[in-house]
Amino acid sequence: MARVCDICGKRTQVGSMVERRGITKKKGGIGLRITSRVKRKFKPNIQKVRVLTQDGKTATRMKVCTRCIKAGKIFKR
């Protein structure tokens, strides 16, 4: 079961957590040094929602992100 929004196509993205140590040059140090990078995931907030179809009579379940729900891109039943 993929974590993908059926409306906008938003899905899991990857990024990094960057650890730094030292004092910035602005504060009188020799600058920040990167000590490690660790991969992480950014997961969208996907909800299973009953959504009215185009004809407005039948309802189907869809996986929709909360941003699409708040924006009013779907009609909940």
PDB file of N, CA and C in Angstrom:
ATOM      1  N   MET A   1       0.841  -1.168   0.000  1.00  0.00           N
ATOM      2  CA  MET A   1       0.000   0.000   0.000  1.00  0.00           C
ATOM      3  C   MET A   1       0.889   1.235   0.000  1.00  0.00           C
ATOM      4  N   ALA A   2       0.933   1.943  -1.095  1.00  0.00           N
ATOM      5  CA  ALA A   2       1.809   3.090  -1.222  1.00  0.00           C
ATOM      6  C   ALA A   2       1.228   4.300  -0.507  1.00  0.00           C
ATOM      7  N   ARG A   3       2.117   5.128   0.010  1.00  0.00           N
ATOM      8  CA  ARG A   3       1.713   6.365   0.696  1.00  0.00           C
ATOM      9  C   ARG A   3       1.735   7.494  -0.324  1.00  0.00           C
ATOM     10  N   VAL A   4       0.687   7.535  -1.170  1.00  0.00           N
ATOM     11  CA  VAL A   4       0.599   8.526  -2.233  1.00  0.00           C
ATOM     12  C   VAL A   4      -0.799   9.127  -2.217  1.00  0.00           C
ATOM     13  N   CYS A   5      -0.878  10.455  -2.350  1.00  0.00           N
ATOM     14  CA  CYS A   5      -2.170  11.137  -2.418  1.00  0.00           C
ATOM     15  C   CYS A   5      -2.781  10.910  -3.801  1.00  0.00           C
ATOM     16  N   ASP A   6      -4.054  10.500  -3.838  1.00  0.00           N
ATOM     17  CA  ASP A   6      -4.727  10.253  -5.108  1.00  0.00           C
ATOM     18  C   ASP A   6      -5.067  11.539  -5.850  1.00  0.00           C
ATOM     19  N   ILE A   7      -5.099  12.679  -5.160  1.00  0.00           N
ATOM     20  CA  ILE A   7      -5.458  13.948  -5.787  1.00  0.00           C
ATOM     21  C   ILE A   7      -4.227  14.657  -6.357  1.00  0.00           C
ATOM     22  N   CYS A   8      -3.247  14.934  -5.514  1.00  0.00           N
ATOM     23  CA  CYS A   8      -2.102  15.745  -5.954  1.00  0.00           C
ATOM     24  C   CYS A   8      -0.850  14.923  -6.247  1.00  0.00           C
ATOM     25  N   GLY A   9      -0.817  13.655  -5.863  1.00  0.00           N
ATOM     26  CA  GLY A   9       0.341  12.820  -6.155  1.00  0.00           C
ATOM     27  C   GLY A   9       1.489  12.977  -5.174  1.00  0.00           C
ATOM     28  N   LYS A  10       1.241  13.638  -4.052  1.00  0.00           N
ATOM     29  CA  LYS A  10       2.290  13.818  -3.041  1.00  0.00           C
ATOM     30  C   LYS A  10       2.690  12.462  -2.489  1.00  0.00           C
ATOM     31  N   ARG A  11       4.005  12.244  -2.318  1.00  0.00           N
ATOM     32  CA  ARG A  11       4.502  10.957  -1.844  1.00  0.00           C
ATOM     33  C   ARG A  11       5.674  11.158  -0.898  1.00  0.00           C
ATOM     34  N   THR A  12       6.209  10.059  -0.371  1.00  0.00           N
ATOM     35  CA  THR A  12       7.337  10.127   0.547  1.00  0.00           C
ATOM     36  C   THR A  12       8.559  10.681  -0.167  1.00  0.00           C
ATOM     37  N   GLN A  13       9.241  11.630   0.499  1.00  0.00           N
ATOM     38  CA  GLN A  13      10.465  12.204  -0.045  1.00  0.00           C
ATOM     39  C   GLN A  13      11.607  11.935   0.918  1.00  0.00           C
ATOM     40  N   VAL A  14      12.825  11.956   0.404  1.00  0.00           N
ATOM     41  CA  VAL A  14      13.989  11.716   1.246  1.00  0.00           C
ATOM     42  C   VAL A  14      14.797  12.990   1.394  1.00  0.00           C
ATOM     43  N   GLY A  15      15.501  13.075   2.510  1.00  0.00           N
ATOM     44  CA  GLY A  15      16.360  14.217   2.781  1.00  0.00           C
ATOM     45  C   GLY A  15      17.455  13.791   3.738  1.00  0.00           C
ATOM     46  N   SER A  16      18.088  14.750   4.370  1.00  0.00           N
ATOM     47  CA  SER A  16      19.192  14.464   5.282  1.00  0.00           C
ATOM     48  C   SER A  16      19.047  15.260   6.565  1.00  0.00           C
ATOM     49  N   MET A  17      19.516  14.650   7.672  1.00  0.00           N
ATOM     50  CA  MET A  17      19.702  15.372   8.923  1.00  0.00           C
ATOM     51  C   MET A  17      21.193  15.681   8.997  1.00  0.00           C
ATOM     52  N   VAL A  18      21.532  16.939   9.108  1.00  0.00           N
ATOM     53  CA  VAL A  18      22.936  17.359   9.095  1.00  0.00           C
ATOM     54  C   VAL A  18      23.327  17.790  10.500  1.00  0.00           C
ATOM     55  N   GLU A  19      24.368  17.148  11.066  1.00  0.00           N
ATOM     56  CA  GLU A  19      24.885  17.541  12.378  1.00  0.00           C
ATOM     57  C   GLU A  19      26.078  18.449  12.189  1.00  0.00           C
ATOM     58  N   ARG A  20      26.083  19.562  12.950  1.00  0.00           N
ATOM     59  CA  ARG A  20      27.183  20.515  12.860  1.00  0.00           C
ATOM     60  C   ARG A  20      27.738  20.767  14.248  1.00  0.00           C
ATOM     61  N   ARG A  21      29.040  21.073  14.333  1.00  0.00           N
ATOM     62  CA  ARG A  21      29.625  21.474  15.602  1.00  0.00           C
ATOM     63  C   ARG A  21      30.563  22.640  15.369  1.00  0.00           C
ATOM     64  N   GLY A  22      30.809  23.391  16.427  1.00  0.00           N
ATOM     65  CA  GLY A  22      31.669  24.553  16.337  1.00  0.00           C
ATOM     66  C   GLY A  22      30.894  25.827  16.596  1.00  0.00           C
ATOM     67  N   ILE A  23      31.592  26.933  16.487  1.00  0.00           N
ATOM     68  CA  ILE A  23      30.992  28.255  16.687  1.00  0.00           C
ATOM     69  C   ILE A  23      31.085  29.008  15.365  1.00  0.00           C
ATOM     70  N   THR A  24      30.000  29.663  15.003  1.00  0.00           N
ATOM     71  CA  THR A  24      29.979  30.388  13.738  1.00  0.00           C
ATOM     72  C   THR A  24      30.994  31.525  13.732  1.00  0.00           C
ATOM     73  N   LYS A  25      31.411  31.906  12.554  1.00  0.00           N
ATOM     74  CA  LYS A  25      32.372  33.000  12.411  1.00  0.00           C
ATOM     75  C   LYS A  25      31.787  34.311  12.929  1.00  0.00           C
ATOM     76  N   LYS A  26      30.473  34.458  12.759  1.00  0.00           N
ATOM     77  CA  LYS A  26      29.799  35.667  13.209  1.00  0.00           C
ATOM     78  C   LYS A  26      29.928  35.846  14.725  1.00  0.00           C
ATOM     79  N   LYS A  27      29.995  34.723  15.444  1.00  0.00           N
ATOM     80  CA  LYS A  27      30.117  34.776  16.899  1.00  0.00           C
ATOM     81  C   LYS A  27      31.563  34.686  17.373  1.00  0.00           C
ATOM     82  N   GLY A  28      32.511  34.735  16.438  1.00  0.00           N
ATOM     83  CA  GLY A  28      33.922  34.750  16.815  1.00  0.00           C
ATOM     84  C   GLY A  28      34.625  33.411  16.730  1.00  0.00           C
ATOM     85  N   GLY A  29      33.971  32.415  16.179  1.00  0.00           N
ATOM     86  CA  GLY A  29      34.600  31.100  16.058  1.00  0.00           C
ATOM     87  C   GLY A  29      35.281  30.934  14.715  1.00  0.00           C
ATOM     88  N   ILE A  30      35.664  29.674  14.419  1.00  0.00           N
ATOM     89  CA  ILE A  30      36.322  29.391  13.138  1.00  0.00           C
ATOM     90  C   ILE A  30      35.349  28.821  12.109  1.00  0.00           C
ATOM     91  N   GLY A  31      34.076  28.782  12.466  1.00  0.00           N
ATOM     92  CA  GLY A  31      33.055  28.316  11.529  1.00  0.00           C
ATOM     93  C   GLY A  31      32.502  26.963  11.908  1.00  0.00           C
ATOM     94  N   LEU A  32      31.346  26.642  11.376  1.00  0.00           N
ATOM     95  CA  LEU A  32      30.701  25.359  11.645  1.00  0.00           C
ATOM     96  C   LEU A  32      31.298  24.269  10.771  1.00  0.00           C
ATOM     97  N   ARG A  33      31.416  23.090  11.337  1.00  0.00           N
ATOM     98  CA  ARG A  33      31.889  21.920  10.603  1.00  0.00           C
ATOM     99  C   ARG A  33      30.789  20.874  10.596  1.00  0.00           C
ATOM    100  N   ILE A  34      30.584  20.236   9.465  1.00  0.00           N
ATOM    101  CA  ILE A  34      29.598  19.161   9.363  1.00  0.00           C
ATOM    102  C   ILE A  34      30.261  17.882   9.836  1.00  0.00           C
ATOM    103  N   THR A  35      29.650  17.222  10.837  1.00  0.00           N
ATOM    104  CA  THR A  35      30.239  16.006  11.395  1.00  0.00           C
ATOM    105  C   THR A  35      29.572  14.742  10.865  1.00  0.00           C
ATOM    106  N   SER A  36      28.295  14.819  10.496  1.00  0.00           N
ATOM    107  CA  SER A  36      27.644  13.628   9.938  1.00  0.00           C
ATOM    108  C   SER A  36      26.395  14.018   9.183  1.00  0.00           C
ATOM    109  N   ARG A  37      26.019  13.156   8.270  1.00  0.00           N
ATOM    110  CA  ARG A  37      24.756  13.282   7.537  1.00  0.00           C
ATOM    111  C   ARG A  37      24.042  11.950   7.630  1.00  0.00           C
ATOM    112  N   VAL A  38      22.764  12.005   7.996  1.00  0.00           N
ATOM    113  CA  VAL A  38      21.964  10.794   8.143  1.00  0.00           C
ATOM    114  C   VAL A  38      20.720  10.955   7.287  1.00  0.00           C
ATOM    115  N   LYS A  39      20.411   9.936   6.499  1.00  0.00           N
ATOM    116  CA  LYS A  39      19.221   9.974   5.651  1.00  0.00           C
ATOM    117  C   LYS A  39      17.966   9.915   6.512  1.00  0.00           C
ATOM    118  N   ARG A  40      16.921  10.610   6.076  1.00  0.00           N
ATOM    119  CA  ARG A  40      15.620  10.550   6.734  1.00  0.00           C
ATOM    120  C   ARG A  40      14.532  10.647   5.694  1.00  0.00           C
ATOM    121  N   LYS A  41      13.286  10.397   6.122  1.00  0.00           N
ATOM    122  CA  LYS A  41      12.147  10.438   5.207  1.00  0.00           C
ATOM    123  C   LYS A  41      11.142  11.477   5.671  1.00  0.00           C
ATOM    124  N   PHE A  42      10.567  12.181   4.719  1.00  0.00           N
ATOM    125  CA  PHE A  42       9.475  13.108   4.959  1.00  0.00           C
ATOM    126  C   PHE A  42       8.210  12.443   4.433  1.00  0.00           C
ATOM    127  N   LYS A  43       7.313  12.054   5.327  1.00  0.00           N
ATOM    128  CA  LYS A  43       6.104  11.339   4.918  1.00  0.00           C
ATOM    129  C   LYS A  43       4.899  12.266   4.956  1.00  0.00           C
ATOM    130  N   PRO A  44       4.095  12.293   3.896  1.00  0.00           N
ATOM    131  CA  PRO A  44       2.894  13.134   3.897  1.00  0.00           C
ATOM    132  C   PRO A  44       1.825  12.540   4.810  1.00  0.00           C
ATOM    133  N   ASN A  45       0.962  13.395   5.297  1.00  0.00           N
ATOM    134  CA  ASN A  45      -0.127  12.966   6.175  1.00  0.00           C
ATOM    135  C   ASN A  45      -1.290  12.499   5.302  1.00  0.00           C
ATOM    136  N   ILE A  46      -1.334  11.204   5.026  1.00  0.00           N
ATOM    137  CA  ILE A  46      -2.343  10.611   4.142  1.00  0.00           C
ATOM    138  C   ILE A  46      -3.473  10.024   4.985  1.00  0.00           C
ATOM    139  N   GLN A  47      -4.700  10.351   4.615  1.00  0.00           N
ATOM    140  CA  GLN A  47      -5.883   9.835   5.297  1.00  0.00           C
ATOM    141  C   GLN A  47      -6.759   9.083   4.297  1.00  0.00           C
ATOM    142  N   LYS A  48      -7.404   8.001   4.778  1.00  0.00           N
ATOM    143  CA  LYS A  48      -8.388   7.306   3.949  1.00  0.00           C
ATOM    144  C   LYS A  48      -9.732   7.978   4.183  1.00  0.00           C
ATOM    145  N   VAL A  49     -10.319   8.507   3.121  1.00  0.00           N
ATOM    146  CA  VAL A  49     -11.534   9.308   3.242  1.00  0.00           C
ATOM    147  C   VAL A  49     -12.563   8.806   2.248  1.00  0.00           C
ATOM    148  N   ARG A  50     -13.842   8.841   2.669  1.00  0.00           N
ATOM    149  CA  ARG A  50     -14.928   8.544   1.725  1.00  0.00           C
ATOM    150  C   ARG A  50     -15.223   9.811   0.946  1.00  0.00           C
ATOM    151  N   VAL A  51     -15.108   9.715  -0.370  1.00  0.00           N
ATOM    152  CA  VAL A  51     -15.220  10.882  -1.239  1.00  0.00           C
ATOM    153  C   VAL A  51     -16.355  10.665  -2.227  1.00  0.00           C
ATOM    154  N   LEU A  52     -17.160  11.707  -2.439  1.00  0.00           N
ATOM    155  CA  LEU A  52     -18.216  11.629  -3.447  1.00  0.00           C
ATOM    156  C   LEU A  52     -17.594  11.705  -4.837  1.00  0.00           C
ATOM    157  N   THR A  53     -18.086  10.894  -5.767  1.00  0.00           N
ATOM    158  CA  THR A  53     -17.568  10.897  -7.131  1.00  0.00           C
ATOM    159  C   THR A  53     -18.166  12.058  -7.921  1.00  0.00           C
ATOM    160  N   GLN A  54     -17.838  12.133  -9.193  1.00  0.00           N
ATOM    161  CA  GLN A  54     -18.265  13.251 -10.038  1.00  0.00           C
ATOM    162  C   GLN A  54     -19.786  13.368 -10.127  1.00  0.00           C
ATOM    163  N   ASP A  55     -20.489  12.229 -10.189  1.00  0.00           N
ATOM    164  CA  ASP A  55     -21.948  12.295 -10.314  1.00  0.00           C
ATOM    165  C   ASP A  55     -22.625  12.709  -9.008  1.00  0.00           C
ATOM    166  N   GLY A  56     -21.912  12.610  -7.880  1.00  0.00           N
ATOM    167  CA  GLY A  56     -22.439  13.057  -6.597  1.00  0.00           C
ATOM    168  C   GLY A  56     -23.358  12.071  -5.917  1.00  0.00           C
ATOM    169  N   LYS A  57     -23.477  10.854  -6.454  1.00  0.00           N
ATOM    170  CA  LYS A  57     -24.386   9.874  -5.873  1.00  0.00           C
ATOM    171  C   LYS A  57     -23.636   8.767  -5.138  1.00  0.00           C
ATOM    172  N   THR A  58     -22.518   8.327  -5.683  1.00  0.00           N
ATOM    173  CA  THR A  58     -21.774   7.234  -5.060  1.00  0.00           C
ATOM    174  C   THR A  58     -20.542   7.769  -4.345  1.00  0.00           C
ATOM    175  N   ALA A  59     -20.124   7.016  -3.328  1.00  0.00           N
ATOM    176  CA  ALA A  59     -18.942   7.400  -2.562  1.00  0.00           C
ATOM    177  C   ALA A  59     -17.896   6.292  -2.674  1.00  0.00           C
ATOM    178  N   THR A  60     -16.654   6.684  -2.809  1.00  0.00           N
ATOM    179  CA  THR A  60     -15.543   5.734  -2.852  1.00  0.00           C
ATOM    180  C   THR A  60     -14.494   6.153  -1.840  1.00  0.00           C
ATOM    181  N   ARG A  61     -13.685   5.198  -1.424  1.00  0.00           N
ATOM    182  CA  ARG A  61     -12.592   5.499  -0.501  1.00  0.00           C
ATOM    183  C   ARG A  61     -11.360   5.901  -1.303  1.00  0.00           C
ATOM    184  N   MET A  62     -10.733   6.981  -0.873  1.00  0.00           N
ATOM    185  CA  MET A  62      -9.514   7.451  -1.521  1.00  0.00           C
ATOM    186  C   MET A  62      -8.494   7.787  -0.447  1.00  0.00           C
ATOM    187  N   LYS A  63      -7.221   7.707  -0.816  1.00  0.00           N
ATOM    188  CA  LYS A  63      -6.149   8.150   0.064  1.00  0.00           C
ATOM    189  C   LYS A  63      -5.796   9.576  -0.330  1.00  0.00           C
ATOM    190  N   VAL A  64      -6.056  10.516   0.581  1.00  0.00           N
ATOM    191  CA  VAL A  64      -5.907  11.938   0.284  1.00  0.00           C
ATOM    192  C   VAL A  64      -5.058  12.578   1.374  1.00  0.00           C
ATOM    193  N   CYS A  65      -4.156  13.489   0.976  1.00  0.00           N
ATOM    194  CA  CYS A  65      -3.348  14.199   1.968  1.00  0.00           C
ATOM    195  C   CYS A  65      -4.198  15.279   2.632  1.00  0.00           C
ATOM    196  N   THR A  66      -3.812  15.658   3.836  1.00  0.00           N
ATOM    197  CA  THR A  66      -4.603  16.625   4.602  1.00  0.00           C
ATOM    198  C   THR A  66      -4.589  17.996   3.951  1.00  0.00           C
ATOM    199  N   ARG A  67      -3.556  18.324   3.192  1.00  0.00           N
ATOM    200  CA  ARG A  67      -3.522  19.620   2.505  1.00  0.00           C
ATOM    201  C   ARG A  67      -4.642  19.706   1.468  1.00  0.00           C
ATOM    202  N   CYS A  68      -4.901  18.610   0.747  1.00  0.00           N
ATOM    203  CA  CYS A  68      -5.989  18.591  -0.237  1.00  0.00           C
ATOM    204  C   CYS A  68      -7.354  18.646   0.448  1.00  0.00           C
ATOM    205  N   ILE A  69      -7.470  17.993   1.622  1.00  0.00           N
ATOM    206  CA  ILE A  69      -8.731  18.027   2.359  1.00  0.00           C
ATOM    207  C   ILE A  69      -9.025  19.454   2.822  1.00  0.00           C
ATOM    208  N   LYS A  70      -8.010  20.132   3.384  1.00  0.00           N
ATOM    209  CA  LYS A  70      -8.194  21.499   3.869  1.00  0.00           C
ATOM    210  C   LYS A  70      -8.489  22.470   2.734  1.00  0.00           C
ATOM    211  N   ALA A  71      -7.891  22.220   1.551  1.00  0.00           N
ATOM    212  CA  ALA A  71      -8.076  23.114   0.415  1.00  0.00           C
ATOM    213  C   ALA A  71      -9.447  22.937  -0.239  1.00  0.00           C
ATOM    214  N   GLY A  72     -10.191  21.898   0.141  1.00  0.00           N
ATOM    215  CA  GLY A  72     -11.525  21.691  -0.411  1.00  0.00           C
ATOM    216  C   GLY A  72     -11.503  21.069  -1.798  1.00  0.00           C
ATOM    217  N   LYS A  73     -10.453  20.308  -2.123  1.00  0.00           N
ATOM    218  CA  LYS A  73     -10.358  19.696  -3.449  1.00  0.00           C
ATOM    219  C   LYS A  73     -11.231  18.450  -3.556  1.00  0.00           C
ATOM    220  N   ILE A  74     -11.766  17.988  -2.436  1.00  0.00           N
ATOM    221  CA  ILE A  74     -12.650  16.819  -2.448  1.00  0.00           C
ATOM    222  C   ILE A  74     -13.932  17.173  -1.709  1.00  0.00           C
ATOM    223  N   PHE A  75     -14.964  16.377  -1.932  1.00  0.00           N
ATOM    224  CA  PHE A  75     -16.222  16.520  -1.215  1.00  0.00           C
ATOM    225  C   PHE A  75     -16.408  15.281  -0.356  1.00  0.00           C
ATOM    226  N   LYS A  76     -16.296  15.463   0.970  1.00  0.00           N
ATOM    227  CA  LYS A  76     -16.444  14.335   1.879  1.00  0.00           C
ATOM    228  C   LYS A  76     -17.904  13.973   2.022  1.00  0.00           C
ATOM    229  N   ARG A  77     -18.136  12.712   2.281  1.00  0.00           N
ATOM    230  CA  ARG A  77     -19.496  12.241   2.499  1.00  0.00           C
ATOM    231  C   ARG A  77     -19.715  12.027   3.956  1.00  0.00           C
TER     232      ARG A  77
END
